[in-house]
Amino acid sequence: MRIFLLALVVATALSGIAASVLDSSYQKQAYQAFSTGGARVGDAGNNLVGKDWPSARH
């Protein structure tokens, strides 16, 4: 029983150390990891496909 409790304490300590290392140095927020410099965000206009698109003709 002592071995099991010791293994439980060691596993808990290792998981805490791993979580603190990952949070401090390796992980990024989603907006930082998936951002690009060429993304244009603004007024997209009325018709995104253009006037020559078949479904745009009425």
PDB file of N, CA and C in Angstrom:
ATOM      1  N   MET A   1       0.828  -1.198   0.000  1.00  0.00           N
ATOM      2  CA  MET A   1       0.000   0.000   0.000  1.00  0.00           C
ATOM      3  C   MET A   1       0.868   1.256   0.000  1.00  0.00           C
ATOM      4  N   ARG A   2       2.014   1.201   0.689  1.00  0.00           N
ATOM      5  CA  ARG A   2       2.897   2.362   0.731  1.00  0.00           C
ATOM      6  C   ARG A   2       3.452   2.678  -0.655  1.00  0.00           C
ATOM      7  N   ILE A   3       3.765   1.633  -1.421  1.00  0.00           N
ATOM      8  CA  ILE A   3       4.299   1.835  -2.763  1.00  0.00           C
ATOM      9  C   ILE A   3       3.261   2.525  -3.647  1.00  0.00           C
ATOM     10  N   PHE A   4       2.007   2.095  -3.539  1.00  0.00           N
ATOM     11  CA  PHE A   4       0.946   2.715  -4.325  1.00  0.00           C
ATOM     12  C   PHE A   4       0.779   4.189  -3.963  1.00  0.00           C
ATOM     13  N   LEU A   5       0.779   4.492  -2.687  1.00  0.00           N
ATOM     14  CA  LEU A   5       0.647   5.890  -2.270  1.00  0.00           C
ATOM     15  C   LEU A   5       1.844   6.730  -2.719  1.00  0.00           C
ATOM     16  N   LEU A   6       3.037   6.162  -2.661  1.00  0.00           N
ATOM     17  CA  LEU A   6       4.228   6.859  -3.132  1.00  0.00           C
ATOM     18  C   LEU A   6       4.141   7.112  -4.635  1.00  0.00           C
ATOM     19  N   ALA A   7       3.680   6.124  -5.386  1.00  0.00           N
ATOM     20  CA  ALA A   7       3.515   6.291  -6.836  1.00  0.00           C
ATOM     21  C   ALA A   7       2.480   7.368  -7.135  1.00  0.00           C
ATOM     22  N   LEU A   8       1.416   7.418  -6.353  1.00  0.00           N
ATOM     23  CA  LEU A   8       0.388   8.443  -6.526  1.00  0.00           C
ATOM     24  C   LEU A   8       0.942   9.840  -6.261  1.00  0.00           C
ATOM     25  N   VAL A   9       1.736   9.989  -5.218  1.00  0.00           N
ATOM     26  CA  VAL A   9       2.349  11.280  -4.888  1.00  0.00           C
ATOM     27  C   VAL A   9       3.329  11.699  -5.977  1.00  0.00           C
ATOM     28  N   VAL A  10       4.142  10.763  -6.456  1.00  0.00           N
ATOM     29  CA  VAL A  10       5.120  11.075  -7.500  1.00  0.00           C
ATOM     30  C   VAL A  10       4.407  11.452  -8.801  1.00  0.00           C
ATOM     31  N   ALA A  11       3.356  10.740  -9.168  1.00  0.00           N
ATOM     32  CA  ALA A  11       2.612  11.054 -10.391  1.00  0.00           C
ATOM     33  C   ALA A  11       1.965  12.429 -10.287  1.00  0.00           C
ATOM     34  N   THR A  12       1.424  12.757  -9.138  1.00  0.00           N
ATOM     35  CA  THR A  12       0.815  14.071  -8.946  1.00  0.00           C
ATOM     36  C   THR A  12       1.867  15.177  -9.032  1.00  0.00           C
ATOM     37  N   ALA A  13       3.032  14.951  -8.430  1.00  0.00           N
ATOM     38  CA  ALA A  13       4.099  15.954  -8.479  1.00  0.00           C
ATOM     39  C   ALA A  13       4.608  16.142  -9.900  1.00  0.00           C
ATOM     40  N   LEU A  14       4.802  15.053 -10.625  1.00  0.00           N
ATOM     41  CA  LEU A  14       5.278  15.163 -12.011  1.00  0.00           C
ATOM     42  C   LEU A  14       4.265  15.852 -12.910  1.00  0.00           C
ATOM     43  N   SER A  15       2.992  15.572 -12.705  1.00  0.00           N
ATOM     44  CA  SER A  15       1.981  16.236 -13.534  1.00  0.00           C
ATOM     45  C   SER A  15       1.911  17.725 -13.226  1.00  0.00           C
ATOM     46  N   GLY A  16       2.096  18.103 -11.979  1.00  0.00           N
ATOM     47  CA  GLY A  16       2.120  19.526 -11.634  1.00  0.00           C
ATOM     48  C   GLY A  16       3.314  20.237 -12.239  1.00  0.00           C
ATOM     49  N   ILE A  17       4.468  19.587 -12.214  1.00  0.00           N
ATOM     50  CA  ILE A  17       5.666  20.181 -12.818  1.00  0.00           C
ATOM     51  C   ILE A  17       5.489  20.312 -14.333  1.00  0.00           C
ATOM     52  N   ALA A  18       4.975  19.275 -14.976  1.00  0.00           N
ATOM     53  CA  ALA A  18       4.763  19.325 -16.424  1.00  0.00           C
ATOM     54  C   ALA A  18       3.766  20.407 -16.806  1.00  0.00           C
ATOM     55  N   ALA A  19       2.703  20.559 -16.041  1.00  0.00           N
ATOM     56  CA  ALA A  19       1.712  21.593 -16.336  1.00  0.00           C
ATOM     57  C   ALA A  19       2.310  22.981 -16.193  1.00  0.00           C
ATOM     58  N   SER A  20       3.137  23.190 -15.203  1.00  0.00           N
ATOM     59  CA  SER A  20       3.720  24.508 -15.014  1.00  0.00           C
ATOM     60  C   SER A  20       4.738  24.822 -16.103  1.00  0.00           C
ATOM     61  N   VAL A  21       5.506  23.823 -16.548  1.00  0.00           N
ATOM     62  CA  VAL A  21       6.470  24.047 -17.635  1.00  0.00           C
ATOM     63  C   VAL A  21       5.737  24.346 -18.936  1.00  0.00           C
ATOM     64  N   LEU A  22       4.678  23.594 -19.233  1.00  0.00           N
ATOM     65  CA  LEU A  22       3.933  23.824 -20.469  1.00  0.00           C
ATOM     66  C   LEU A  22       3.257  25.185 -20.468  1.00  0.00           C
ATOM     67  N   ASP A  23       2.686  25.587 -19.357  1.00  0.00           N
ATOM     68  CA  ASP A  23       2.018  26.885 -19.293  1.00  0.00           C
ATOM     69  C   ASP A  23       2.997  28.035 -19.424  1.00  0.00           C
ATOM     70  N   SER A  24       4.194  27.881 -18.928  1.00  0.00           N
ATOM     71  CA  SER A  24       5.112  29.008 -18.907  1.00  0.00           C
ATOM     72  C   SER A  24       5.911  29.170 -20.192  1.00  0.00           C
ATOM     73  N   SER A  25       6.156  28.091 -20.946  1.00  0.00           N
ATOM     74  CA  SER A  25       7.080  28.269 -22.057  1.00  0.00           C
ATOM     75  C   SER A  25       6.624  27.720 -23.406  1.00  0.00           C
ATOM     76  N   TYR A  26       5.754  26.741 -23.458  1.00  0.00           N
ATOM     77  CA  TYR A  26       5.468  26.105 -24.737  1.00  0.00           C
ATOM     78  C   TYR A  26       4.106  26.445 -25.333  1.00  0.00           C
ATOM     79  N   GLN A  27       3.130  26.750 -24.528  1.00  0.00           N
ATOM     80  CA  GLN A  27       1.796  26.961 -25.057  1.00  0.00           C
ATOM     81  C   GLN A  27       1.562  28.425 -25.393  1.00  0.00           C
ATOM     82  N   LYS A  28       0.722  28.646 -26.434  1.00  0.00           N
ATOM     83  CA  LYS A  28       0.337  29.990 -26.840  1.00  0.00           C
ATOM     84  C   LYS A  28      -1.187  30.062 -26.870  1.00  0.00           C
ATOM     85  N   GLN A  29      -1.697  31.270 -26.773  1.00  0.00           N
ATOM     86  CA  GLN A  29      -3.128  31.465 -26.938  1.00  0.00           C
ATOM     87  C   GLN A  29      -3.486  31.219 -28.405  1.00  0.00           C
ATOM     88  N   ALA A  30      -4.728  30.869 -28.689  1.00  0.00           N
ATOM     89  CA  ALA A  30      -5.150  30.558 -30.053  1.00  0.00           C
ATOM     90  C   ALA A  30      -4.984  31.762 -30.974  1.00  0.00           C
ATOM     91  N   TYR A  31      -5.269  32.968 -30.497  1.00  0.00           N
ATOM     92  CA  TYR A  31      -5.139  34.145 -31.363  1.00  0.00           C
ATOM     93  C   TYR A  31      -3.677  34.443 -31.686  1.00  0.00           C
ATOM     94  N   GLN A  32      -2.749  33.966 -30.898  1.00  0.00           N
ATOM     95  CA  GLN A  32      -1.334  34.141 -31.204  1.00  0.00           C
ATOM     96  C   GLN A  32      -0.826  33.028 -32.125  1.00  0.00           C
ATOM     97  N   ALA A  33      -1.282  31.820 -31.917  1.00  0.00           N
ATOM     98  CA  ALA A  33      -0.780  30.685 -32.683  1.00  0.00           C
ATOM     99  C   ALA A  33      -1.290  30.678 -34.120  1.00  0.00           C
ATOM    100  N   PHE A  34      -2.513  31.148 -34.350  1.00  0.00           N
ATOM    101  CA  PHE A  34      -3.121  31.055 -35.670  1.00  0.00           C
ATOM    102  C   PHE A  34      -3.301  32.409 -36.331  1.00  0.00           C
ATOM    103  N   SER A  35      -2.457  33.366 -36.013  1.00  0.00           N
ATOM    104  CA  SER A  35      -2.583  34.678 -36.644  1.00  0.00           C
ATOM    105  C   SER A  35      -1.641  34.771 -37.835  1.00  0.00           C
ATOM    106  N   THR A  36      -2.035  35.556 -38.823  1.00  0.00           N
ATOM    107  CA  THR A  36      -1.199  35.780 -39.992  1.00  0.00           C
ATOM    108  C   THR A  36      -1.067  37.275 -40.212  1.00  0.00           C
ATOM    109  N   GLY A  37      -0.014  37.666 -40.848  1.00  0.00           N
ATOM    110  CA  GLY A  37       0.204  39.081 -41.111  1.00  0.00           C
ATOM    111  C   GLY A  37      -0.569  39.589 -42.312  1.00  0.00           C
ATOM    112  N   GLY A  38      -1.011  38.678 -43.188  1.00  0.00           N
ATOM    113  CA  GLY A  38      -1.669  39.099 -44.414  1.00  0.00           C
ATOM    114  C   GLY A  38      -3.179  39.060 -44.362  1.00  0.00           C
ATOM    115  N   ALA A  39      -3.762  38.818 -43.225  1.00  0.00           N
ATOM    116  CA  ALA A  39      -5.218  38.738 -43.138  1.00  0.00           C
ATOM    117  C   ALA A  39      -5.818  40.134 -43.217  1.00  0.00           C
ATOM    118  N   ARG A  40      -6.817  40.286 -44.080  1.00  0.00           N
ATOM    119  CA  ARG A  40      -7.498  41.573 -44.204  1.00  0.00           C
ATOM    120  C   ARG A  40      -8.878  41.447 -43.574  1.00  0.00           C
ATOM    121  N   VAL A  41      -9.125  42.238 -42.610  1.00  0.00           N
ATOM    122  CA  VAL A  41     -10.431  42.240 -41.968  1.00  0.00           C
ATOM    123  C   VAL A  41     -10.997  43.638 -42.118  1.00  0.00           C
ATOM    124  N   GLY A  42     -12.117  43.728 -42.743  1.00  0.00           N
ATOM    125  CA  GLY A  42     -12.732  45.029 -42.966  1.00  0.00           C
ATOM    126  C   GLY A  42     -14.035  44.841 -43.708  1.00  0.00           C
ATOM    127  N   ASP A  43     -14.402  45.813 -44.492  1.00  0.00           N
ATOM    128  CA  ASP A  43     -15.641  45.766 -45.252  1.00  0.00           C
ATOM    129  C   ASP A  43     -15.485  44.790 -46.407  1.00  0.00           C
ATOM    130  N   ALA A  44     -16.268  43.727 -46.383  1.00  0.00           N
ATOM    131  CA  ALA A  44     -16.177  42.710 -47.429  1.00  0.00           C
ATOM    132  C   ALA A  44     -17.005  43.060 -48.655  1.00  0.00           C
ATOM    133  N   GLY A  45     -17.856  44.038 -48.569  1.00  0.00           N
ATOM    134  CA  GLY A  45     -18.696  44.407 -49.696  1.00  0.00           C
ATOM    135  C   GLY A  45     -20.013  43.650 -49.673  1.00  0.00           C
ATOM    136  N   ASN A  46     -20.798  43.841 -50.737  1.00  0.00           N
ATOM    137  CA  ASN A  46     -22.118  43.221 -50.803  1.00  0.00           C
ATOM    138  C   ASN A  46     -22.087  41.823 -51.404  1.00  0.00           C
ATOM    139  N   ASN A  47     -21.278  41.637 -52.431  1.00  0.00           N
ATOM    140  CA  ASN A  47     -21.249  40.360 -53.132  1.00  0.00           C
ATOM    141  C   ASN A  47     -19.823  39.842 -53.124  1.00  0.00           C
ATOM    142  N   LEU A  48     -19.573  38.770 -52.376  1.00  0.00           N
ATOM    143  CA  LEU A  48     -18.214  38.268 -52.236  1.00  0.00           C
ATOM    144  C   LEU A  48     -17.737  37.479 -53.450  1.00  0.00           C
ATOM    145  N   VAL A  49     -18.641  37.002 -54.314  1.00  0.00           N
ATOM    146  CA  VAL A  49     -18.228  36.175 -55.440  1.00  0.00           C
ATOM    147  C   VAL A  49     -18.150  36.957 -56.738  1.00  0.00           C
ATOM    148  N   GLY A  50     -18.722  38.126 -56.834  1.00  0.00           N
ATOM    149  CA  GLY A  50     -18.644  38.932 -58.039  1.00  0.00           C
ATOM    150  C   GLY A  50     -19.903  38.851 -58.868  1.00  0.00           C
ATOM    151  N   LYS A  51     -19.985  39.727 -59.851  1.00  0.00           N
ATOM    152  CA  LYS A  51     -21.187  39.793 -60.690  1.00  0.00           C
ATOM    153  C   LYS A  51     -21.267  38.651 -61.692  1.00  0.00           C
ATOM    154  N   ASP A  52     -20.145  38.029 -62.044  1.00  0.00           N
ATOM    155  CA  ASP A  52     -20.140  36.971 -63.039  1.00  0.00           C
ATOM    156  C   ASP A  52     -20.457  35.590 -62.451  1.00  0.00           C
ATOM    157  N   TRP A  53     -20.674  35.499 -61.175  1.00  0.00           N
ATOM    158  CA  TRP A  53     -20.979  34.223 -60.549  1.00  0.00           C
ATOM    159  C   TRP A  53     -22.403  33.799 -60.932  1.00  0.00           C
ATOM    160  N   PRO A  54     -22.619  32.519 -61.304  1.00  0.00           N
ATOM    161  CA  PRO A  54     -23.937  32.094 -61.793  1.00  0.00           C
ATOM    162  C   PRO A  54     -25.095  32.360 -60.836  1.00  0.00           C
ATOM    163  N   SER A  55     -24.905  32.201 -59.570  1.00  0.00           N
ATOM    164  CA  SER A  55     -26.026  32.411 -58.647  1.00  0.00           C
ATOM    165  C   SER A  55     -26.297  33.892 -58.425  1.00  0.00           C
ATOM    166  N   ALA A  56     -25.397  34.781 -58.856  1.00  0.00           N
ATOM    167  CA  ALA A  56     -25.606  36.218 -58.662  1.00  0.00           C
ATOM    168  C   ALA A  56     -26.528  36.783 -59.746  1.00  0.00           C
ATOM    169  N   ARG A  57     -26.680  36.054 -60.854  1.00  0.00           N
ATOM    170  CA  ARG A  57     -27.564  36.515 -61.932  1.00  0.00           C
ATOM    171  C   ARG A  57     -29.014  36.181 -61.589  1.00  0.00           C
ATOM    172  N   HIS A  58     -29.864  37.118 -61.776  1.00  0.00           N
ATOM    173  CA  HIS A  58     -31.287  36.878 -61.465  1.00  0.00           C
ATOM    174  C   HIS A  58     -32.104  36.796 -62.705  1.00  0.00           C
TER     175      HIS A  58
END
